[in-house]
């Protein structure tokens, strides 16, 4: 396995959980799947549609997203919005994200994280 393949595998693993956070954060403003793909891609988080749509359905089933069909246009589209539970989870995940970042920074010799912070 080449170095590039090893890196690609680890980056994919790292991004997997990040996409959940990105979706919950982005969908605080209602949006539909295709627009979300575009928004994430422009932000540097390219996601395949075959990954995103099952994720959206799973987050909806978990009560983290609310969905509503818009049938007013010629082609019906399902709009998603982060639910109250999704917003609460997002906040918890962002706190954990910061905690992990602080811990890794400390491990690399940066400013140590206070034990009471984690």
PDB file of N, CA and C in Angstrom:
ATOM      1  N   UNK A   1       0.853  -1.178   0.000  1.00  0.00           N
ATOM      2  CA  UNK A   1       0.000   0.000   0.000  1.00  0.00           C
ATOM      3  C   UNK A   1       0.899   1.242   0.000  1.00  0.00           C
ATOM      4  N   UNK A   2       0.602   2.181  -0.894  1.00  0.00           N
ATOM      5  CA  UNK A   2       1.424   3.382  -0.997  1.00  0.00           C
ATOM      6  C   UNK A   2       1.108   4.358   0.136  1.00  0.00           C
ATOM      7  N   UNK A   3       2.026   5.303   0.335  1.00  0.00           N
ATOM      8  CA  UNK A   3       1.802   6.340   1.352  1.00  0.00           C
ATOM      9  C   UNK A   3       0.526   7.125   1.068  1.00  0.00           C
ATOM     10  N   UNK A   4       0.265   7.395  -0.222  1.00  0.00           N
ATOM     11  CA  UNK A   4      -0.944   8.132  -0.600  1.00  0.00           C
ATOM     12  C   UNK A   4      -2.204   7.356  -0.232  1.00  0.00           C
ATOM     13  N   UNK A   5      -2.169   6.042  -0.426  1.00  0.00           N
ATOM     14  CA  UNK A   5      -3.328   5.214  -0.086  1.00  0.00           C
ATOM     15  C   UNK A   5      -3.550   5.163   1.419  1.00  0.00           C
ATOM     16  N   UNK A   6      -2.472   5.080   2.174  1.00  0.00           N
ATOM     17  CA  UNK A   6      -2.575   5.076   3.637  1.00  0.00           C
ATOM     18  C   UNK A   6      -3.177   6.396   4.109  1.00  0.00           C
ATOM     19  N   UNK A   7      -2.651   7.507   3.588  1.00  0.00           N
ATOM     20  CA  UNK A   7      -3.166   8.819   3.949  1.00  0.00           C
ATOM     21  C   UNK A   7      -4.635   8.947   3.570  1.00  0.00           C
ATOM     22  N   UNK A   8      -4.997   8.539   2.371  1.00  0.00           N
ATOM     23  CA  UNK A   8      -6.389   8.643   1.910  1.00  0.00           C
ATOM     24  C   UNK A   8      -7.326   7.862   2.827  1.00  0.00           C
ATOM     25  N   UNK A   9      -6.917   6.690   3.249  1.00  0.00           N
ATOM     26  CA  UNK A   9      -7.744   5.888   4.147  1.00  0.00           C
ATOM     27  C   UNK A   9      -7.954   6.559   5.488  1.00  0.00           C
ATOM     28  N   UNK A  10      -6.898   7.118   6.041  1.00  0.00           N
ATOM     29  CA  UNK A  10      -7.009   7.798   7.336  1.00  0.00           C
ATOM     30  C   UNK A  10      -7.810   9.093   7.233  1.00  0.00           C
ATOM     31  N   UNK A  11      -7.636   9.817   6.143  1.00  0.00           N
ATOM     32  CA  UNK A  11      -8.415  11.045   5.954  1.00  0.00           C
ATOM     33  C   UNK A  11      -9.900  10.731   5.806  1.00  0.00           C
ATOM     34  N   UNK A  12     -10.211   9.647   5.107  1.00  0.00           N
ATOM     35  CA  UNK A  12     -11.610   9.241   4.952  1.00  0.00           C
ATOM     36  C   UNK A  12     -12.215   8.901   6.315  1.00  0.00           C
ATOM     37  N   UNK A  13     -11.455   8.211   7.123  1.00  0.00           N
ATOM     38  CA  UNK A  13     -11.912   7.855   8.465  1.00  0.00           C
ATOM     39  C   UNK A  13     -12.142   9.110   9.312  1.00  0.00           C
ATOM     40  N   UNK A  14     -11.233  10.056   9.223  1.00  0.00           N
ATOM     41  CA  UNK A  14     -11.347  11.299   9.978  1.00  0.00           C
ATOM     42  C   UNK A  14     -12.573  12.103   9.534  1.00  0.00           C
ATOM     43  N   UNK A  15     -12.817  12.137   8.236  1.00  0.00           N
ATOM     44  CA  UNK A  15     -13.928  12.931   7.687  1.00  0.00           C
ATOM     45  C   UNK A  15     -15.300  12.336   7.988  1.00  0.00           C
ATOM     46  N   UNK A  16     -15.366  11.021   8.211  1.00  0.00           N
ATOM     47  CA  UNK A  16     -16.661  10.357   8.396  1.00  0.00           C
ATOM     48  C   UNK A  16     -17.500  11.035   9.472  1.00  0.00           C
ATOM     49  N   UNK A  17     -16.958  11.215  10.655  1.00  0.00           N
ATOM     50  CA  UNK A  17     -17.697  11.882  11.725  1.00  0.00           C
ATOM     51  C   UNK A  17     -17.847  13.365  11.491  1.00  0.00           C
ATOM     52  N   UNK A  18     -16.910  13.936  10.771  1.00  0.00           N
ATOM     53  CA  UNK A  18     -16.940  15.364  10.492  1.00  0.00           C
ATOM     54  C   UNK A  18     -18.141  15.725   9.621  1.00  0.00           C
ATOM     55  N   UNK A  19     -18.539  14.829   8.739  1.00  0.00           N
ATOM     56  CA  UNK A  19     -19.668  15.103   7.851  1.00  0.00           C
ATOM     57  C   UNK A  19     -20.957  15.243   8.662  1.00  0.00           C
ATOM     58  N   UNK A  20     -21.114  14.459   9.711  1.00  0.00           N
ATOM     59  CA  UNK A  20     -22.297  14.581  10.574  1.00  0.00           C
ATOM     60  C   UNK A  20     -22.330  15.980  11.191  1.00  0.00           C
ATOM     61  N   UNK A  21     -21.206  16.403  11.751  1.00  0.00           N
ATOM     62  CA  UNK A  21     -21.125  17.730  12.361  1.00  0.00           C
ATOM     63  C   UNK A  21     -21.414  18.803  11.315  1.00  0.00           C
ATOM     64  N   UNK A  22     -20.836  18.665  10.136  1.00  0.00           N
ATOM     65  CA  UNK A  22     -21.031  19.653   9.075  1.00  0.00           C
ATOM     66  C   UNK A  22     -22.493  19.728   8.640  1.00  0.00           C
ATOM     67  N   UNK A  23     -23.153  18.595   8.527  1.00  0.00           N
ATOM     68  CA  UNK A  23     -24.568  18.587   8.132  1.00  0.00           C
ATOM     69  C   UNK A  23     -25.432  19.255   9.190  1.00  0.00           C
ATOM     70  N   UNK A  24     -25.229  18.887  10.436  1.00  0.00           N
ATOM     71  CA  UNK A  24     -26.019  19.486  11.512  1.00  0.00           C
ATOM     72  C   UNK A  24     -25.791  20.995  11.590  1.00  0.00           C
ATOM     73  N   UNK A  25     -24.550  21.419  11.393  1.00  0.00           N
ATOM     74  CA  UNK A  25     -24.226  22.850  11.447  1.00  0.00           C
ATOM     75  C   UNK A  25     -24.819  23.595  10.256  1.00  0.00           C
ATOM     76  N   UNK A  26     -24.718  23.025   9.079  1.00  0.00           N
ATOM     77  CA  UNK A  26     -25.196  23.686   7.864  1.00  0.00           C
ATOM     78  C   UNK A  26     -26.714  23.763   7.829  1.00  0.00           C
ATOM     79  N   UNK A  27     -27.372  22.710   8.290  1.00  0.00           N
ATOM     80  CA  UNK A  27     -28.825  22.636   8.168  1.00  0.00           C
ATOM     81  C   UNK A  27     -29.573  23.356   9.294  1.00  0.00           C
ATOM     82  N   UNK A  28     -28.870  24.196  10.039  1.00  0.00           N
ATOM     83  CA  UNK A  28     -29.595  25.077  10.963  1.00  0.00           C
ATOM     84  C   UNK A  28     -30.448  26.037  10.135  1.00  0.00           C
ATOM     85  N   UNK A  29     -30.049  26.234   8.875  1.00  0.00           N
ATOM     86  CA  UNK A  29     -30.863  26.913   7.878  1.00  0.00           C
ATOM     87  C   UNK A  29     -31.395  25.817   6.962  1.00  0.00           C
ATOM     88  N   UNK A  30     -32.712  25.705   6.768  1.00  0.00           N
ATOM     89  CA  UNK A  30     -33.265  24.610   5.965  1.00  0.00           C
ATOM     90  C   UNK A  30     -32.631  24.519   4.579  1.00  0.00           C
ATOM     91  N   UNK A  31     -32.398  23.298   4.141  1.00  0.00           N
ATOM     92  CA  UNK A  31     -31.822  23.071   2.830  1.00  0.00           C
ATOM     93  C   UNK A  31     -32.155  21.681   2.333  1.00  0.00           C
ATOM     94  N   UNK A  32     -31.928  21.451   1.076  1.00  0.00           N
ATOM     95  CA  UNK A  32     -32.180  20.133   0.507  1.00  0.00           C
ATOM     96  C   UNK A  32     -30.856  19.474   0.134  1.00  0.00           C
ATOM     97  N   UNK A  33     -30.911  18.181  -0.136  1.00  0.00           N
ATOM     98  CA  UNK A  33     -29.709  17.381  -0.316  1.00  0.00           C
ATOM     99  C   UNK A  33     -28.729  17.903  -1.339  1.00  0.00           C
ATOM    100  N   UNK A  34     -29.221  18.229  -2.545  1.00  0.00           N
ATOM    101  CA  UNK A  34     -28.313  18.664  -3.600  1.00  0.00           C
ATOM    102  C   UNK A  34     -27.588  19.952  -3.216  1.00  0.00           C
ATOM    103  N   UNK A  35     -28.313  20.887  -2.628  1.00  0.00           N
ATOM    104  CA  UNK A  35     -27.686  22.145  -2.200  1.00  0.00           C
ATOM    105  C   UNK A  35     -26.675  21.886  -1.095  1.00  0.00           C
ATOM    106  N   UNK A  36     -26.986  20.938  -0.217  1.00  0.00           N
ATOM    107  CA  UNK A  36     -26.060  20.587   0.857  1.00  0.00           C
ATOM    108  C   UNK A  36     -24.777  19.996   0.286  1.00  0.00           C
ATOM    109  N   UNK A  37     -24.901  19.130  -0.725  1.00  0.00           N
ATOM    110  CA  UNK A  37     -23.707  18.583  -1.388  1.00  0.00           C
ATOM    111  C   UNK A  37     -22.824  19.712  -1.908  1.00  0.00           C
ATOM    112  N   UNK A  38     -23.451  20.687  -2.555  1.00  0.00           N
ATOM    113  CA  UNK A  38     -22.717  21.820  -3.118  1.00  0.00           C
ATOM    114  C   UNK A  38     -22.063  22.653  -2.018  1.00  0.00           C
ATOM    115  N   UNK A  39     -22.812  22.953  -0.963  1.00  0.00           N
ATOM    116  CA  UNK A  39     -22.292  23.765   0.146  1.00  0.00           C
ATOM    117  C   UNK A  39     -21.110  23.080   0.813  1.00  0.00           C
ATOM    118  N   UNK A  40     -21.249  21.797   1.088  1.00  0.00           N
ATOM    119  CA  UNK A  40     -20.153  21.055   1.721  1.00  0.00           C
ATOM    120  C   UNK A  40     -18.937  21.014   0.801  1.00  0.00           C
ATOM    121  N   UNK A  41     -19.157  20.782  -0.479  1.00  0.00           N
ATOM    122  CA  UNK A  41     -18.056  20.738  -1.440  1.00  0.00           C
ATOM    123  C   UNK A  41     -17.305  22.056  -1.518  1.00  0.00           C
ATOM    124  N   UNK A  42     -18.052  23.166  -1.563  1.00  0.00           N
ATOM    125  CA  UNK A  42     -17.407  24.485  -1.619  1.00  0.00           C
ATOM    126  C   UNK A  42     -16.636  24.794  -0.342  1.00  0.00           C
ATOM    127  N   UNK A  43     -17.051  24.178   0.760  1.00  0.00           N
ATOM    128  CA  UNK A  43     -16.355  24.391   2.036  1.00  0.00           C
ATOM    129  C   UNK A  43     -15.153  23.447   2.197  1.00  0.00           C
ATOM    130  N   UNK A  44     -14.915  22.593   1.200  1.00  0.00           N
ATOM    131  CA  UNK A  44     -13.779  21.682   1.261  1.00  0.00           C
ATOM    132  C   UNK A  44     -14.108  20.321   1.846  1.00  0.00           C
ATOM    133  N   UNK A  45     -15.393  20.016   2.004  1.00  0.00           N
ATOM    134  CA  UNK A  45     -15.824  18.717   2.528  1.00  0.00           C
ATOM    135  C   UNK A  45     -16.618  17.974   1.462  1.00  0.00           C
ATOM    136  N   UNK A  46     -15.955  17.638   0.379  1.00  0.00           N
ATOM    137  CA  UNK A  46     -16.629  16.938  -0.705  1.00  0.00           C
ATOM    138  C   UNK A  46     -17.180  15.611  -0.190  1.00  0.00           C
ATOM    139  N   UNK A  47     -18.475  15.397  -0.437  1.00  0.00           N
ATOM    140  CA  UNK A  47     -19.165  14.187  -0.007  1.00  0.00           C
ATOM    141  C   UNK A  47     -19.891  13.614  -1.208  1.00  0.00           C
ATOM    142  N   UNK A  48     -19.843  12.325  -1.363  1.00  0.00           N
ATOM    143  CA  UNK A  48     -20.549  11.647  -2.440  1.00  0.00           C
ATOM    144  C   UNK A  48     -22.037  11.587  -2.106  1.00  0.00           C
ATOM    145  N   UNK A  49     -22.888  11.742  -3.110  1.00  0.00           N
ATOM    146  CA  UNK A  49     -24.338  11.677  -2.893  1.00  0.00           C
ATOM    147  C   UNK A  49     -24.741  10.332  -2.294  1.00  0.00           C
ATOM    148  N   UNK A  50     -24.055   9.260  -2.687  1.00  0.00           N
ATOM    149  CA  UNK A  50     -24.367   7.926  -2.148  1.00  0.00           C
ATOM    150  C   UNK A  50     -24.008   7.798  -0.675  1.00  0.00           C
ATOM    151  N   UNK A  51     -23.244   8.730  -0.162  1.00  0.00           N
ATOM    152  CA  UNK A  51     -22.926   8.785   1.265  1.00  0.00           C
ATOM    153  C   UNK A  51     -23.878   9.741   1.978  1.00  0.00           C
ATOM    154  N   UNK A  52     -24.144  10.883   1.355  1.00  0.00           N
ATOM    155  CA  UNK A  52     -24.923  11.925   2.015  1.00  0.00           C
ATOM    156  C   UNK A  52     -26.384  11.539   2.222  1.00  0.00           C
ATOM    157  N   UNK A  53     -27.046  11.046   1.183  1.00  0.00           N
ATOM    158  CA  UNK A  53     -28.482  10.794   1.307  1.00  0.00           C
ATOM    159  C   UNK A  53     -28.818   9.738   2.362  1.00  0.00           C
ATOM    160  N   UNK A  54     -28.086   8.621   2.446  1.00  0.00           N
ATOM    161  CA  UNK A  54     -28.352   7.681   3.553  1.00  0.00           C
ATOM    162  C   UNK A  54     -28.075   8.317   4.921  1.00  0.00           C
ATOM    163  N   UNK A  55     -27.058   9.181   4.999  1.00  0.00           N
ATOM    164  CA  UNK A  55     -26.755   9.871   6.252  1.00  0.00           C
ATOM    165  C   UNK A  55     -27.918  10.783   6.652  1.00  0.00           C
ATOM    166  N   UNK A  56     -28.458  11.526   5.702  1.00  0.00           N
ATOM    167  CA  UNK A  56     -29.592  12.406   6.000  1.00  0.00           C
ATOM    168  C   UNK A  56     -30.787  11.604   6.503  1.00  0.00           C
ATOM    169  N   UNK A  57     -31.061  10.463   5.866  1.00  0.00           N
ATOM    170  CA  UNK A  57     -32.177   9.614   6.315  1.00  0.00           C
ATOM    171  C   UNK A  57     -31.929   9.080   7.720  1.00  0.00           C
ATOM    172  N   UNK A  58     -30.680   8.700   8.008  1.00  0.00           N
ATOM    173  CA  UNK A  58     -30.346   8.183   9.338  1.00  0.00           C
ATOM    174  C   UNK A  58     -30.494   9.275  10.398  1.00  0.00           C
ATOM    175  N   UNK A  59     -30.008  10.472  10.110  1.00  0.00           N
ATOM    176  CA  UNK A  59     -30.124  11.576  11.059  1.00  0.00           C
ATOM    177  C   UNK A  59     -31.589  11.959  11.280  1.00  0.00           C
ATOM    178  N   UNK A  60     -32.398  11.870  10.221  1.00  0.00           N
ATOM    179  CA  UNK A  60     -33.826  12.137  10.368  1.00  0.00           C
ATOM    180  C   UNK A  60     -34.479  11.066  11.255  1.00  0.00           C
ATOM    181  N   UNK A  61     -34.143   9.826  11.016  1.00  0.00           N
ATOM    182  CA  UNK A  61     -34.707   8.722  11.803  1.00  0.00           C
ATOM    183  C   UNK A  61     -34.314   8.853  13.281  1.00  0.00           C
ATOM    184  N   UNK A  62     -33.125   9.362  13.541  1.00  0.00           N
ATOM    185  CA  UNK A  62     -32.645   9.557  14.914  1.00  0.00           C
ATOM    186  C   UNK A  62     -33.249  10.799  15.568  1.00  0.00           C
ATOM    187  N   UNK A  63     -34.015  11.567  14.821  1.00  0.00           N
ATOM    188  CA  UNK A  63     -34.635  12.772  15.362  1.00  0.00           C
ATOM    189  C   UNK A  63     -33.710  13.976  15.400  1.00  0.00           C
ATOM    190  N   UNK A  64     -32.582  13.893  14.699  1.00  0.00           N
ATOM    191  CA  UNK A  64     -31.612  14.979  14.695  1.00  0.00           C
ATOM    192  C   UNK A  64     -31.869  15.979  13.576  1.00  0.00           C
ATOM    193  N   UNK A  65     -32.604  15.541  12.562  1.00  0.00           N
ATOM    194  CA  UNK A  65     -33.038  16.409  11.469  1.00  0.00           C
ATOM    195  C   UNK A  65     -34.548  16.292  11.336  1.00  0.00           C
ATOM    196  N   UNK A  66     -35.177  17.377  10.943  1.00  0.00           N
ATOM    197  CA  UNK A  66     -36.589  17.364  10.592  1.00  0.00           C
ATOM    198  C   UNK A  66     -36.656  17.519   9.081  1.00  0.00           C
ATOM    199  N   UNK A  67     -37.594  16.833   8.453  1.00  0.00           N
ATOM    200  CA  UNK A  67     -37.701  16.889   7.001  1.00  0.00           C
ATOM    201  C   UNK A  67     -39.117  17.263   6.589  1.00  0.00           C
ATOM    202  N   UNK A  68     -39.201  17.960   5.471  1.00  0.00           N
ATOM    203  CA  UNK A  68     -40.499  18.377   4.943  1.00  0.00           C
ATOM    204  C   UNK A  68     -40.382  18.412   3.423  1.00  0.00           C
ATOM    205  N   UNK A  69     -41.411  17.892   2.765  1.00  0.00           N
ATOM    206  CA  UNK A  69     -41.432  17.920   1.304  1.00  0.00           C
ATOM    207  C   UNK A  69     -41.961  19.256   0.818  1.00  0.00           C
ATOM    208  N   UNK A  70     -41.303  19.822  -0.168  1.00  0.00           N
ATOM    209  CA  UNK A  70     -41.781  21.023  -0.839  1.00  0.00           C
ATOM    210  C   UNK A  70     -42.315  20.562  -2.191  1.00  0.00           C
ATOM    211  N   UNK A  71     -43.626  20.631  -2.353  1.00  0.00           N
ATOM    212  CA  UNK A  71     -44.255  20.179  -3.599  1.00  0.00           C
ATOM    213  C   UNK A  71     -44.759  21.352  -4.439  1.00  0.00           C
ATOM    214  N   UNK A  72     -44.369  22.554  -4.068  1.00  0.00           N
ATOM    215  CA  UNK A  72     -44.829  23.740  -4.788  1.00  0.00           C
ATOM    216  C   UNK A  72     -44.127  23.930  -6.127  1.00  0.00           C
ATOM    217  N   UNK A  73     -42.941  23.360  -6.268  1.00  0.00           N
ATOM    218  CA  UNK A  73     -42.193  23.496  -7.515  1.00  0.00           C
ATOM    219  C   UNK A  73     -42.530  22.327  -8.437  1.00  0.00           C
ATOM    220  N   UNK A  74     -42.028  22.379  -9.650  1.00  0.00           N
ATOM    221  CA  UNK A  74     -42.339  21.323 -10.620  1.00  0.00           C
ATOM    222  C   UNK A  74     -41.802  19.959 -10.178  1.00  0.00           C
ATOM    223  N   UNK A  75     -40.714  19.985  -9.454  1.00  0.00           N
ATOM    224  CA  UNK A  75     -40.121  18.732  -8.968  1.00  0.00           C
ATOM    225  C   UNK A  75     -40.096  18.778  -7.443  1.00  0.00           C
ATOM    226  N   UNK A  76     -40.812  17.872  -6.760  1.00  0.00           N
ATOM    227  CA  UNK A  76     -40.814  17.879  -5.289  1.00  0.00           C
ATOM    228  C   UNK A  76     -39.403  17.670  -4.733  1.00  0.00           C
ATOM    229  N   UNK A  77     -39.114  18.417  -3.660  1.00  0.00           N
ATOM    230  CA  UNK A  77     -37.801  18.292  -3.003  1.00  0.00           C
ATOM    231  C   UNK A  77     -38.017  18.186  -1.502  1.00  0.00           C
ATOM    232  N   UNK A  78     -37.173  17.387  -0.890  1.00  0.00           N
ATOM    233  CA  UNK A  78     -37.245  17.201   0.556  1.00  0.00           C
ATOM    234  C   UNK A  78     -36.259  18.158   1.208  1.00  0.00           C
ATOM    235  N   UNK A  79     -36.775  19.018   2.060  1.00  0.00           N
ATOM    236  CA  UNK A  79     -35.939  19.961   2.788  1.00  0.00           C
ATOM    237  C   UNK A  79     -35.671  19.425   4.182  1.00  0.00           C
ATOM    238  N   UNK A  80     -34.462  19.649   4.644  1.00  0.00           N
ATOM    239  CA  UNK A  80     -34.048  19.200   5.972  1.00  0.00           C
ATOM    240  C   UNK A  80     -33.697  20.412   6.825  1.00  0.00           C
ATOM    241  N   UNK A  81     -33.909  20.256   8.121  1.00  0.00           N
ATOM    242  CA  UNK A  81     -33.527  21.287   9.079  1.00  0.00           C
ATOM    243  C   UNK A  81     -33.085  20.595  10.355  1.00  0.00           C
ATOM    244  N   UNK A  82     -32.045  21.107  10.977  1.00  0.00           N
ATOM    245  CA  UNK A  82     -31.564  20.552  12.238  1.00  0.00           C
ATOM    246  C   UNK A  82     -32.643  20.739  13.296  1.00  0.00           C
ATOM    247  N   UNK A  83     -32.991  19.660  13.983  1.00  0.00           N
ATOM    248  CA  UNK A  83     -34.003  19.708  15.036  1.00  0.00           C
ATOM    249  C   UNK A  83     -33.384  20.246  16.328  1.00  0.00           C
ATOM    250  N   UNK A  84     -34.215  20.439  17.332  1.00  0.00           N
ATOM    251  CA  UNK A  84     -33.705  20.883  18.635  1.00  0.00           C
ATOM    252  C   UNK A  84     -32.713  19.846  19.175  1.00  0.00           C
ATOM    253  N   UNK A  85     -33.062  18.565  19.058  1.00  0.00           N
ATOM    254  CA  UNK A  85     -32.144  17.507  19.522  1.00  0.00           C
ATOM    255  C   UNK A  85     -30.848  17.530  18.709  1.00  0.00           C
ATOM    256  N   UNK A  86     -30.965  17.816  17.415  1.00  0.00           N
ATOM    257  CA  UNK A  86     -29.781  17.902  16.564  1.00  0.00           C
ATOM    258  C   UNK A  86     -28.888  19.067  16.948  1.00  0.00           C
ATOM    259  N   UNK A  87     -29.500  20.190  17.307  1.00  0.00           N
ATOM    260  CA  UNK A  87     -28.742  21.365  17.739  1.00  0.00           C
ATOM    261  C   UNK A  87     -28.008  21.075  19.040  1.00  0.00           C
ATOM    262  N   UNK A  88     -28.695  20.403  19.959  1.00  0.00           N
ATOM    263  CA  UNK A  88     -28.060  20.045  21.234  1.00  0.00           C
ATOM    264  C   UNK A  88     -26.889  19.090  21.009  1.00  0.00           C
ATOM    265  N   UNK A  89     -27.094  18.099  20.140  1.00  0.00           N
ATOM    266  CA  UNK A  89     -26.014  17.155  19.829  1.00  0.00           C
ATOM    267  C   UNK A  89     -24.853  17.883  19.162  1.00  0.00           C
ATOM    268  N   UNK A  90     -25.153  18.777  18.238  1.00  0.00           N
ATOM    269  CA  UNK A  90     -24.116  19.553  17.560  1.00  0.00           C
ATOM    270  C   UNK A  90     -23.265  20.301  18.573  1.00  0.00           C
ATOM    271  N   UNK A  91     -23.894  20.969  19.524  1.00  0.00           N
ATOM    272  CA  UNK A  91     -23.148  21.710  20.539  1.00  0.00           C
ATOM    273  C   UNK A  91     -22.245  20.791  21.349  1.00  0.00           C
ATOM    274  N   UNK A  92     -22.746  19.624  21.716  1.00  0.00           N
ATOM    275  CA  UNK A  92     -21.934  18.662  22.464  1.00  0.00           C
ATOM    276  C   UNK A  92     -20.763  18.159  21.626  1.00  0.00           C
ATOM    277  N   UNK A  93     -21.030  17.893  20.342  1.00  0.00           N
ATOM    278  CA  UNK A  93     -19.974  17.405  19.454  1.00  0.00           C
ATOM    279  C   UNK A  93     -18.900  18.473  19.235  1.00  0.00           C
ATOM    280  N   UNK A  94     -19.325  19.733  19.121  1.00  0.00           N
ATOM    281  CA  UNK A  94     -18.351  20.811  18.944  1.00  0.00           C
ATOM    282  C   UNK A  94     -17.484  20.997  20.189  1.00  0.00           C
ATOM    283  N   UNK A  95     -18.090  20.847  21.368  1.00  0.00           N
ATOM    284  CA  UNK A  95     -17.295  20.907  22.608  1.00  0.00           C
ATOM    285  C   UNK A  95     -16.274  19.774  22.642  1.00  0.00           C
ATOM    286  N   UNK A  96     -16.698  18.585  22.258  1.00  0.00           N
ATOM    287  CA  UNK A  96     -15.781  17.438  22.231  1.00  0.00           C
ATOM    288  C   UNK A  96     -14.691  17.650  21.188  1.00  0.00           C
ATOM    289  N   UNK A  97     -15.077  18.187  20.029  1.00  0.00           N
ATOM    290  CA  UNK A  97     -14.114  18.490  18.962  1.00  0.00           C
ATOM    291  C   UNK A  97     -13.023  19.427  19.496  1.00  0.00           C
ATOM    292  N   UNK A  98     -13.438  20.479  20.206  1.00  0.00           N
ATOM    293  CA  UNK A  98     -12.477  21.430  20.772  1.00  0.00           C
ATOM    294  C   UNK A  98     -11.597  20.755  21.807  1.00  0.00           C
ATOM    295  N   UNK A  99     -12.192  19.907  22.630  1.00  0.00           N
ATOM    296  CA  UNK A  99     -11.438  19.187  23.643  1.00  0.00           C
ATOM    297  C   UNK A  99     -10.378  18.280  23.009  1.00  0.00           C
ATOM    298  N   UNK A 100     -10.775  17.570  21.957  1.00  0.00           N
ATOM    299  CA  UNK A 100      -9.816  16.707  21.255  1.00  0.00           C
ATOM    300  C   UNK A 100      -8.706  17.533  20.615  1.00  0.00           C
ATOM    301  N   UNK A 101      -9.064  18.643  20.004  1.00  0.00           N
ATOM    302  CA  UNK A 101      -8.072  19.520  19.396  1.00  0.00           C
ATOM    303  C   UNK A 101      -7.079  20.012  20.441  1.00  0.00           C
ATOM    304  N   UNK A 102      -7.600  20.448  21.592  1.00  0.00           N
ATOM    305  CA  UNK A 102      -6.737  20.935  22.667  1.00  0.00           C
ATOM    306  C   UNK A 102      -5.799  19.832  23.160  1.00  0.00           C
ATOM    307  N   UNK A 103      -6.326  18.629  23.293  1.00  0.00           N
ATOM    308  CA  UNK A 103      -5.508  17.501  23.761  1.00  0.00           C
ATOM    309  C   UNK A 103      -4.396  17.172  22.774  1.00  0.00           C
ATOM    310  N   UNK A 104      -4.711  17.160  21.509  1.00  0.00           N
ATOM    311  CA  UNK A 104      -3.690  16.843  20.494  1.00  0.00           C
ATOM    312  C   UNK A 104      -2.656  17.962  20.426  1.00  0.00           C
ATOM    313  N   UNK A 105      -3.104  19.208  20.543  1.00  0.00           N
ATOM    314  CA  UNK A 105      -2.169  20.332  20.573  1.00  0.00           C
ATOM    315  C   UNK A 105      -1.206  20.171  21.745  1.00  0.00           C
ATOM    316  N   UNK A 106      -1.731  19.808  22.913  1.00  0.00           N
ATOM    317  CA  UNK A 106      -0.884  19.605  24.089  1.00  0.00           C
ATOM    318  C   UNK A 106       0.094  18.454  23.868  1.00  0.00           C
ATOM    319  N   UNK A 107      -0.380  17.371  23.242  1.00  0.00           N
ATOM    320  CA  UNK A 107       0.500  16.223  22.972  1.00  0.00           C
ATOM    321  C   UNK A 107       1.627  16.578  22.012  1.00  0.00           C
ATOM    322  N   UNK A 108       1.379  17.509  21.130  1.00  0.00           N
ATOM    323  CA  UNK A 108       2.395  17.933  20.154  1.00  0.00           C
ATOM    324  C   UNK A 108       3.325  18.983  20.733  1.00  0.00           C
ATOM    325  N   UNK A 109       3.145  19.335  22.005  1.00  0.00           N
ATOM    326  CA  UNK A 109       4.044  20.295  22.626  1.00  0.00           C
ATOM    327  C   UNK A 109       3.513  21.707  22.641  1.00  0.00           C
ATOM    328  N   UNK A 110       2.248  21.861  22.297  1.00  0.00           N
ATOM    329  CA  UNK A 110       1.629  23.177  22.356  1.00  0.00           C
ATOM    330  C   UNK A 110       1.245  23.495  23.787  1.00  0.00           C
ATOM    331  N   UNK A 111       0.405  24.453  23.957  1.00  0.00           N
ATOM    332  CA  UNK A 111      -0.049  24.818  25.291  1.00  0.00           C
ATOM    333  C   UNK A 111      -0.823  23.651  25.882  1.00  0.00           C
ATOM    334  N   UNK A 112      -0.376  23.154  27.047  1.00  0.00           N
ATOM    335  CA  UNK A 112      -1.077  22.005  27.636  1.00  0.00           C
ATOM    336  C   UNK A 112      -2.502  22.355  28.025  1.00  0.00           C
ATOM    337  N   UNK A 113      -3.369  21.376  27.838  1.00  0.00           N
ATOM    338  CA  UNK A 113      -4.761  21.546  28.248  1.00  0.00           C
ATOM    339  C   UNK A 113      -4.863  21.301  29.739  1.00  0.00           C
ATOM    340  N   UNK A 114      -5.678  22.066  30.393  1.00  0.00           N
ATOM    341  CA  UNK A 114      -5.903  21.896  31.827  1.00  0.00           C
ATOM    342  C   UNK A 114      -6.691  20.616  32.047  1.00  0.00           C
ATOM    343  N   UNK A 115      -6.308  19.780  33.037  1.00  0.00           N
ATOM    344  CA  UNK A 115      -7.034  18.533  33.290  1.00  0.00           C
ATOM    345  C   UNK A 115      -8.505  18.760  33.625  1.00  0.00           C
ATOM    346  N   UNK A 116      -8.830  19.922  34.166  1.00  0.00           N
ATOM    347  CA  UNK A 116     -10.228  20.186  34.511  1.00  0.00           C
ATOM    348  C   UNK A 116     -11.067  20.535  33.299  1.00  0.00           C
ATOM    349  N   UNK A 117     -10.413  20.847  32.175  1.00  0.00           N
ATOM    350  CA  UNK A 117     -11.154  21.179  30.952  1.00  0.00           C
ATOM    351  C   UNK A 117     -11.699  19.945  30.273  1.00  0.00           C
ATOM    352  N   UNK A 118     -11.134  18.775  30.545  1.00  0.00           N
ATOM    353  CA  UNK A 118     -11.526  17.574  29.803  1.00  0.00           C
ATOM    354  C   UNK A 118     -12.126  16.564  30.668  1.00  0.00           C
TER     355      UNK A 118
END
